[in-house]
Amino acid sequence: MDRGSRGDAKTALERIAELYAVEKEIRGRSCEERREIRSLHSRPLLESFKQWLEETLGKLSRRSDTELAVRYALGCWDALMRYCDDGTLEIDNSATERALRWRSWVEKASCSRARIEAVRARPPFTA
């Protein structure tokens, strides 16, 4: 990553942190309150962020990791904006990912226990 890309990545992370700061403030509020606050605070931040991404895209080297990340973000923009209009949605899917990781771990543990029990139940080797 070149020096310019590092600066761009830092700027992007700072902008994302502003969005998470809004989420921290509205955690636990009603869905309607969350929607209203996001409309007033998050939407303008996102609109500014999108403009910055589009401007930055033209300055990045083609096929750099940063350029690919910016293109990915812009490609998902409509889905990202959806959370501003729906107070029931979260800004990210971290809770879902944690739940899926837990389920995967439980399933793996169950499979391991089943294999152990199958080995234990196998008749002893006889010649």
N, C-alpha and C. Protein backbone atom coordinates (compact mmCIF):
# COMPACT_ATOMS: atom_id res chain seq x y z
N MET A 1 0.86 -1.17 0.00
CA MET A 1 0.00 0.00 0.00
C MET A 1 0.90 1.23 0.00
N ASP A 2 0.66 2.15 -0.93
CA ASP A 2 1.49 3.34 -0.96
C ASP A 2 1.02 4.35 0.08
N ARG A 3 1.82 5.40 0.24
CA ARG A 3 1.54 6.39 1.28
C ARG A 3 0.16 7.03 1.11
N GLY A 4 -0.21 7.34 -0.15
CA GLY A 4 -1.52 7.95 -0.40
C GLY A 4 -2.66 7.03 0.00
N SER A 5 -2.52 5.75 -0.31
CA SER A 5 -3.57 4.79 0.04
C SER A 5 -3.73 4.67 1.55
N ARG A 6 -2.59 4.73 2.27
CA ARG A 6 -2.67 4.66 3.73
C ARG A 6 -3.45 5.84 4.28
N GLY A 7 -3.18 7.03 3.73
CA GLY A 7 -3.91 8.22 4.17
C GLY A 7 -5.38 8.12 3.84
N ASP A 8 -5.69 7.58 2.66
CA ASP A 8 -7.08 7.40 2.26
C ASP A 8 -7.78 6.40 3.17
N ALA A 9 -7.11 5.32 3.49
CA ALA A 9 -7.69 4.30 4.37
C ALA A 9 -7.94 4.90 5.76
N LYS A 10 -7.01 5.70 6.24
CA LYS A 10 -7.18 6.33 7.56
C LYS A 10 -8.38 7.27 7.55
N THR A 11 -8.50 8.05 6.49
CA THR A 11 -9.65 8.96 6.36
C THR A 11 -10.95 8.17 6.33
N ALA A 12 -10.99 7.09 5.56
CA ALA A 12 -12.20 6.26 5.47
C ALA A 12 -12.57 5.71 6.84
N LEU A 13 -11.58 5.21 7.58
CA LEU A 13 -11.85 4.66 8.91
C LEU A 13 -12.36 5.73 9.87
N GLU A 14 -11.83 6.93 9.76
CA GLU A 14 -12.31 8.03 10.61
C GLU A 14 -13.77 8.35 10.30
N ARG A 15 -14.12 8.34 9.02
CA ARG A 15 -15.50 8.61 8.62
C ARG A 15 -16.43 7.50 9.12
N ILE A 16 -15.98 6.27 9.02
CA ILE A 16 -16.78 5.14 9.51
C ILE A 16 -16.95 5.23 11.02
N ALA A 17 -15.90 5.65 11.72
CA ALA A 17 -15.97 5.81 13.18
C ALA A 17 -17.05 6.83 13.56
N GLU A 18 -17.21 7.88 12.75
CA GLU A 18 -18.26 8.87 13.02
C GLU A 18 -19.64 8.21 12.97
N LEU A 19 -19.83 7.32 12.02
CA LEU A 19 -21.11 6.62 11.90
C LEU A 19 -21.36 5.72 13.12
N TYR A 20 -20.31 5.03 13.56
CA TYR A 20 -20.46 4.17 14.73
C TYR A 20 -20.68 4.98 16.00
N ALA A 21 -20.17 6.20 16.04
CA ALA A 21 -20.42 7.07 17.20
C ALA A 21 -21.91 7.41 17.29
N VAL A 22 -22.54 7.64 16.15
CA VAL A 22 -23.99 7.89 16.13
C VAL A 22 -24.71 6.65 16.66
N GLU A 23 -24.30 5.48 16.19
CA GLU A 23 -24.94 4.23 16.62
C GLU A 23 -24.80 4.02 18.13
N LYS A 24 -23.65 4.38 18.66
CA LYS A 24 -23.43 4.24 20.10
C LYS A 24 -24.41 5.12 20.88
N GLU A 25 -24.66 6.30 20.37
CA GLU A 25 -25.58 7.23 21.03
C GLU A 25 -27.04 6.76 20.98
N ILE A 26 -27.42 6.05 19.94
CA ILE A 26 -28.83 5.68 19.80
C ILE A 26 -29.12 4.25 20.25
N ARG A 27 -28.10 3.54 20.70
CA ARG A 27 -28.31 2.16 21.15
C ARG A 27 -29.35 2.13 22.27
N GLY A 28 -30.32 1.23 22.14
CA GLY A 28 -31.35 1.08 23.16
C GLY A 28 -32.58 1.95 22.95
N ARG A 29 -32.54 2.84 21.98
CA ARG A 29 -33.70 3.70 21.71
C ARG A 29 -34.70 2.97 20.83
N SER A 30 -35.88 3.54 20.72
CA SER A 30 -36.91 2.91 19.89
C SER A 30 -36.50 2.95 18.42
N CYS A 31 -37.12 2.09 17.64
CA CYS A 31 -36.82 2.02 16.20
C CYS A 31 -37.10 3.35 15.52
N GLU A 32 -38.18 3.99 15.89
CA GLU A 32 -38.54 5.27 15.28
C GLU A 32 -37.50 6.35 15.63
N GLU A 33 -37.08 6.39 16.88
CA GLU A 33 -36.04 7.36 17.27
C GLU A 33 -34.74 7.10 16.51
N ARG A 34 -34.37 5.84 16.39
CA ARG A 34 -33.14 5.49 15.67
C ARG A 34 -33.24 5.95 14.21
N ARG A 35 -34.38 5.71 13.59
CA ARG A 35 -34.56 6.12 12.20
C ARG A 35 -34.44 7.64 12.06
N GLU A 36 -35.09 8.38 12.96
CA GLU A 36 -35.06 9.84 12.89
C GLU A 36 -33.65 10.39 13.10
N ILE A 37 -32.94 9.86 14.08
CA ILE A 37 -31.58 10.34 14.36
C ILE A 37 -30.64 9.98 13.22
N ARG A 38 -30.79 8.80 12.69
CA ARG A 38 -29.96 8.42 11.53
C ARG A 38 -30.23 9.33 10.35
N SER A 39 -31.51 9.68 10.15
CA SER A 39 -31.85 10.57 9.05
C SER A 39 -31.19 11.93 9.22
N LEU A 40 -31.15 12.42 10.44
CA LEU A 40 -30.55 13.73 10.72
C LEU A 40 -29.03 13.71 10.75
N HIS A 41 -28.44 12.64 11.25
CA HIS A 41 -26.99 12.62 11.47
C HIS A 41 -26.23 11.66 10.55
N SER A 42 -26.68 10.43 10.45
CA SER A 42 -25.94 9.43 9.68
C SER A 42 -26.06 9.66 8.17
N ARG A 43 -27.25 9.98 7.71
CA ARG A 43 -27.45 10.16 6.27
C ARG A 43 -26.52 11.24 5.70
N PRO A 44 -26.42 12.44 6.32
CA PRO A 44 -25.47 13.43 5.78
C PRO A 44 -24.02 12.95 5.83
N LEU A 45 -23.65 12.21 6.88
CA LEU A 45 -22.29 11.66 6.95
C LEU A 45 -22.06 10.69 5.81
N LEU A 46 -23.05 9.85 5.54
CA LEU A 46 -22.92 8.87 4.45
C LEU A 46 -22.88 9.54 3.07
N GLU A 47 -23.70 10.55 2.89
CA GLU A 47 -23.68 11.26 1.60
C GLU A 47 -22.32 11.90 1.35
N SER A 48 -21.76 12.50 2.39
CA SER A 48 -20.43 13.10 2.28
C SER A 48 -19.38 12.02 2.04
N PHE A 49 -19.51 10.90 2.73
CA PHE A 49 -18.58 9.79 2.58
C PHE A 49 -18.61 9.25 1.16
N LYS A 50 -19.81 9.11 0.59
CA LYS A 50 -19.93 8.59 -0.77
C LYS A 50 -19.24 9.54 -1.75
N GLN A 51 -19.47 10.82 -1.58
CA GLN A 51 -18.83 11.80 -2.46
C GLN A 51 -17.31 11.68 -2.35
N TRP A 52 -16.81 11.55 -1.13
CA TRP A 52 -15.36 11.41 -0.91
C TRP A 52 -14.85 10.12 -1.57
N LEU A 53 -15.59 9.04 -1.44
CA LEU A 53 -15.18 7.77 -2.07
C LEU A 53 -15.09 7.92 -3.59
N GLU A 54 -16.10 8.55 -4.17
CA GLU A 54 -16.10 8.73 -5.62
C GLU A 54 -14.93 9.59 -6.08
N GLU A 55 -14.63 10.66 -5.32
CA GLU A 55 -13.48 11.51 -5.66
C GLU A 55 -12.17 10.77 -5.48
N THR A 56 -12.08 9.99 -4.42
CA THR A 56 -10.86 9.26 -4.10
C THR A 56 -10.60 8.16 -5.13
N LEU A 57 -11.66 7.54 -5.61
CA LEU A 57 -11.54 6.45 -6.56
C LEU A 57 -10.70 6.85 -7.78
N GLY A 58 -10.91 8.06 -8.27
CA GLY A 58 -10.17 8.54 -9.43
C GLY A 58 -8.69 8.75 -9.17
N LYS A 59 -8.29 8.86 -7.92
CA LYS A 59 -6.89 9.12 -7.58
C LYS A 59 -6.11 7.84 -7.27
N LEU A 60 -6.80 6.73 -7.12
CA LEU A 60 -6.14 5.49 -6.71
C LEU A 60 -5.61 4.71 -7.90
N SER A 61 -4.52 3.96 -7.66
CA SER A 61 -4.01 3.10 -8.74
C SER A 61 -4.99 1.97 -8.99
N ARG A 62 -5.14 1.65 -10.26
CA ARG A 62 -6.07 0.58 -10.63
C ARG A 62 -5.65 -0.73 -10.01
N ARG A 63 -6.64 -1.44 -9.54
CA ARG A 63 -6.47 -2.78 -8.96
C ARG A 63 -5.65 -2.81 -7.68
N SER A 64 -5.46 -1.65 -7.05
CA SER A 64 -4.83 -1.67 -5.73
C SER A 64 -5.88 -2.19 -4.74
N ASP A 65 -5.45 -2.64 -3.59
CA ASP A 65 -6.39 -3.13 -2.58
C ASP A 65 -7.37 -2.04 -2.18
N THR A 66 -6.87 -0.82 -2.06
CA THR A 66 -7.73 0.29 -1.66
C THR A 66 -8.77 0.58 -2.74
N GLU A 67 -8.34 0.56 -4.00
CA GLU A 67 -9.26 0.81 -5.10
C GLU A 67 -10.35 -0.26 -5.13
N LEU A 68 -9.98 -1.50 -4.92
CA LEU A 68 -10.97 -2.59 -4.90
C LEU A 68 -11.95 -2.42 -3.73
N ALA A 69 -11.44 -1.99 -2.58
CA ALA A 69 -12.31 -1.78 -1.41
C ALA A 69 -13.30 -0.64 -1.66
N VAL A 70 -12.82 0.44 -2.28
CA VAL A 70 -13.70 1.58 -2.58
C VAL A 70 -14.77 1.15 -3.58
N ARG A 71 -14.39 0.42 -4.60
CA ARG A 71 -15.38 -0.06 -5.59
C ARG A 71 -16.42 -0.98 -4.92
N TYR A 72 -15.95 -1.84 -4.03
CA TYR A 72 -16.86 -2.73 -3.31
C TYR A 72 -17.87 -1.92 -2.49
N ALA A 73 -17.36 -0.93 -1.75
CA ALA A 73 -18.23 -0.09 -0.91
C ALA A 73 -19.27 0.63 -1.76
N LEU A 74 -18.84 1.20 -2.87
CA LEU A 74 -19.77 1.92 -3.74
C LEU A 74 -20.78 0.96 -4.37
N GLY A 75 -20.37 -0.25 -4.65
CA GLY A 75 -21.28 -1.25 -5.22
C GLY A 75 -22.36 -1.70 -4.25
N CYS A 76 -22.09 -1.57 -2.97
CA CYS A 76 -23.05 -1.98 -1.93
C CYS A 76 -23.80 -0.79 -1.34
N TRP A 77 -23.69 0.35 -1.97
CA TRP A 77 -24.17 1.59 -1.35
C TRP A 77 -25.66 1.56 -1.03
N ASP A 78 -26.49 1.07 -1.94
CA ASP A 78 -27.94 1.05 -1.68
C ASP A 78 -28.26 0.21 -0.45
N ALA A 79 -27.60 -0.92 -0.32
CA ALA A 79 -27.83 -1.78 0.85
C ALA A 79 -27.35 -1.08 2.13
N LEU A 80 -26.25 -0.38 2.04
CA LEU A 80 -25.74 0.34 3.20
C LEU A 80 -26.71 1.43 3.64
N MET A 81 -27.27 2.15 2.69
CA MET A 81 -28.18 3.25 3.02
C MET A 81 -29.49 2.75 3.64
N ARG A 82 -29.83 1.51 3.40
CA ARG A 82 -31.10 0.96 3.89
C ARG A 82 -31.23 1.09 5.40
N TYR A 83 -30.12 0.96 6.14
CA TYR A 83 -30.23 1.02 7.59
C TYR A 83 -30.64 2.41 8.09
N CYS A 84 -30.42 3.45 7.29
CA CYS A 84 -30.85 4.80 7.68
C CYS A 84 -32.37 4.93 7.68
N ASP A 85 -33.03 4.16 6.84
CA ASP A 85 -34.48 4.25 6.68
C ASP A 85 -35.24 3.25 7.55
N ASP A 86 -34.53 2.36 8.21
CA ASP A 86 -35.19 1.31 9.00
C ASP A 86 -34.51 1.20 10.36
N GLY A 87 -35.18 1.68 11.37
CA GLY A 87 -34.62 1.68 12.72
C GLY A 87 -34.43 0.30 13.32
N THR A 88 -34.99 -0.73 12.68
CA THR A 88 -34.80 -2.08 13.21
C THR A 88 -33.48 -2.68 12.75
N LEU A 89 -32.88 -2.10 11.70
CA LEU A 89 -31.63 -2.63 11.17
C LEU A 89 -30.43 -2.08 11.93
N GLU A 90 -29.38 -2.87 11.97
CA GLU A 90 -28.12 -2.44 12.57
C GLU A 90 -27.21 -1.92 11.47
N ILE A 91 -26.18 -1.18 11.85
CA ILE A 91 -25.24 -0.64 10.88
C ILE A 91 -24.40 -1.76 10.25
N ASP A 92 -24.22 -2.85 10.96
CA ASP A 92 -23.45 -3.97 10.43
C ASP A 92 -24.11 -5.27 10.84
N ASN A 93 -23.51 -6.38 10.46
CA ASN A 93 -24.09 -7.68 10.79
C ASN A 93 -23.23 -8.45 11.78
N SER A 94 -22.53 -7.74 12.65
CA SER A 94 -21.65 -8.39 13.62
C SER A 94 -22.38 -9.38 14.52
N ALA A 95 -23.57 -9.00 14.99
CA ALA A 95 -24.32 -9.90 15.88
C ALA A 95 -24.68 -11.20 15.16
N THR A 96 -25.06 -11.08 13.91
CA THR A 96 -25.41 -12.26 13.12
C THR A 96 -24.18 -13.13 12.91
N GLU A 97 -23.06 -12.49 12.58
CA GLU A 97 -21.83 -13.26 12.37
C GLU A 97 -21.40 -13.99 13.64
N ARG A 98 -21.53 -13.32 14.79
CA ARG A 98 -21.18 -13.98 16.06
C ARG A 98 -22.07 -15.20 16.29
N ALA A 99 -23.37 -15.04 16.02
CA ALA A 99 -24.31 -16.15 16.21
C ALA A 99 -23.96 -17.31 15.28
N LEU A 100 -23.62 -17.00 14.03
CA LEU A 100 -23.27 -18.06 13.09
C LEU A 100 -21.97 -18.76 13.50
N ARG A 101 -20.99 -17.99 13.99
CA ARG A 101 -19.74 -18.61 14.45
C ARG A 101 -20.03 -19.55 15.62
N TRP A 102 -20.89 -19.11 16.55
CA TRP A 102 -21.24 -19.94 17.70
C TRP A 102 -21.92 -21.23 17.24
N ARG A 103 -22.87 -21.09 16.32
CA ARG A 103 -23.58 -22.27 15.82
C ARG A 103 -22.60 -23.22 15.13
N SER A 104 -21.70 -22.68 14.34
CA SER A 104 -20.71 -23.50 13.64
C SER A 104 -19.84 -24.24 14.65
N TRP A 105 -19.43 -23.53 15.71
CA TRP A 105 -18.60 -24.16 16.73
C TRP A 105 -19.37 -25.29 17.41
N VAL A 106 -20.63 -25.06 17.74
CA VAL A 106 -21.45 -26.08 18.40
C VAL A 106 -21.60 -27.29 17.48
N GLU A 107 -21.84 -27.05 16.19
CA GLU A 107 -21.99 -28.16 15.25
C GLU A 107 -20.69 -28.96 15.12
N LYS A 108 -19.56 -28.27 15.07
CA LYS A 108 -18.27 -28.96 14.99
C LYS A 108 -18.03 -29.79 16.25
N ALA A 109 -18.36 -29.21 17.40
CA ALA A 109 -18.18 -29.93 18.66
C ALA A 109 -19.08 -31.15 18.69
N SER A 110 -20.30 -31.02 18.20
CA SER A 110 -21.23 -32.15 18.18
C SER A 110 -20.70 -33.26 17.27
N CYS A 111 -20.16 -32.88 16.12
CA CYS A 111 -19.61 -33.88 15.19
C CYS A 111 -18.43 -34.59 15.83
N SER A 112 -17.59 -33.85 16.53
CA SER A 112 -16.43 -34.46 17.19
C SER A 112 -16.88 -35.44 18.26
N ARG A 113 -17.87 -35.05 19.04
CA ARG A 113 -18.39 -35.95 20.08
C ARG A 113 -18.98 -37.21 19.44
N ALA A 114 -19.68 -37.02 18.32
CA ALA A 114 -20.29 -38.18 17.64
C ALA A 114 -19.21 -39.14 17.15
N ARG A 115 -18.12 -38.61 16.62
CA ARG A 115 -17.03 -39.48 16.15
C ARG A 115 -16.40 -40.23 17.31
N ILE A 116 -16.20 -39.54 18.42
CA ILE A 116 -15.61 -40.19 19.60
C ILE A 116 -16.51 -41.33 20.06
N GLU A 117 -17.81 -41.06 20.12
CA GLU A 117 -18.76 -42.09 20.57
C GLU A 117 -18.78 -43.26 19.58
N ALA A 118 -18.67 -42.98 18.29
CA ALA A 118 -18.66 -44.05 17.29
C ALA A 118 -17.44 -44.93 17.47
N VAL A 119 -16.30 -44.34 17.74
CA VAL A 119 -15.07 -45.11 17.95
C VAL A 119 -15.20 -45.94 19.21
N ARG A 120 -15.75 -45.36 20.25
CA ARG A 120 -15.93 -46.09 21.51
C ARG A 120 -16.89 -47.27 21.34
N ALA A 121 -17.91 -47.09 20.50
CA ALA A 121 -18.92 -48.13 20.32
C ALA A 121 -18.46 -49.25 19.38
N ARG A 122 -17.39 -48.99 18.63
CA ARG A 122 -16.90 -49.99 17.67
C ARG A 122 -16.38 -51.21 18.44
N PRO A 123 -16.68 -52.39 17.93
CA PRO A 123 -16.18 -53.59 18.61
C PRO A 123 -14.64 -53.62 18.55
N PRO A 124 -14.01 -54.21 19.53
CA PRO A 124 -12.54 -54.27 19.53
C PRO A 124 -12.03 -55.06 18.33
N PHE A 125 -10.86 -54.72 17.90
CA PHE A 125 -10.22 -55.40 16.76
C PHE A 125 -9.84 -56.82 17.16
N THR A 126 -10.23 -57.75 16.33
CA THR A 126 -9.84 -59.16 16.59
C THR A 126 -9.22 -59.73 15.35
N ALA A 127 -8.24 -60.58 15.53
CA ALA A 127 -7.56 -61.17 14.39
C ALA A 127 -8.13 -62.52 14.06
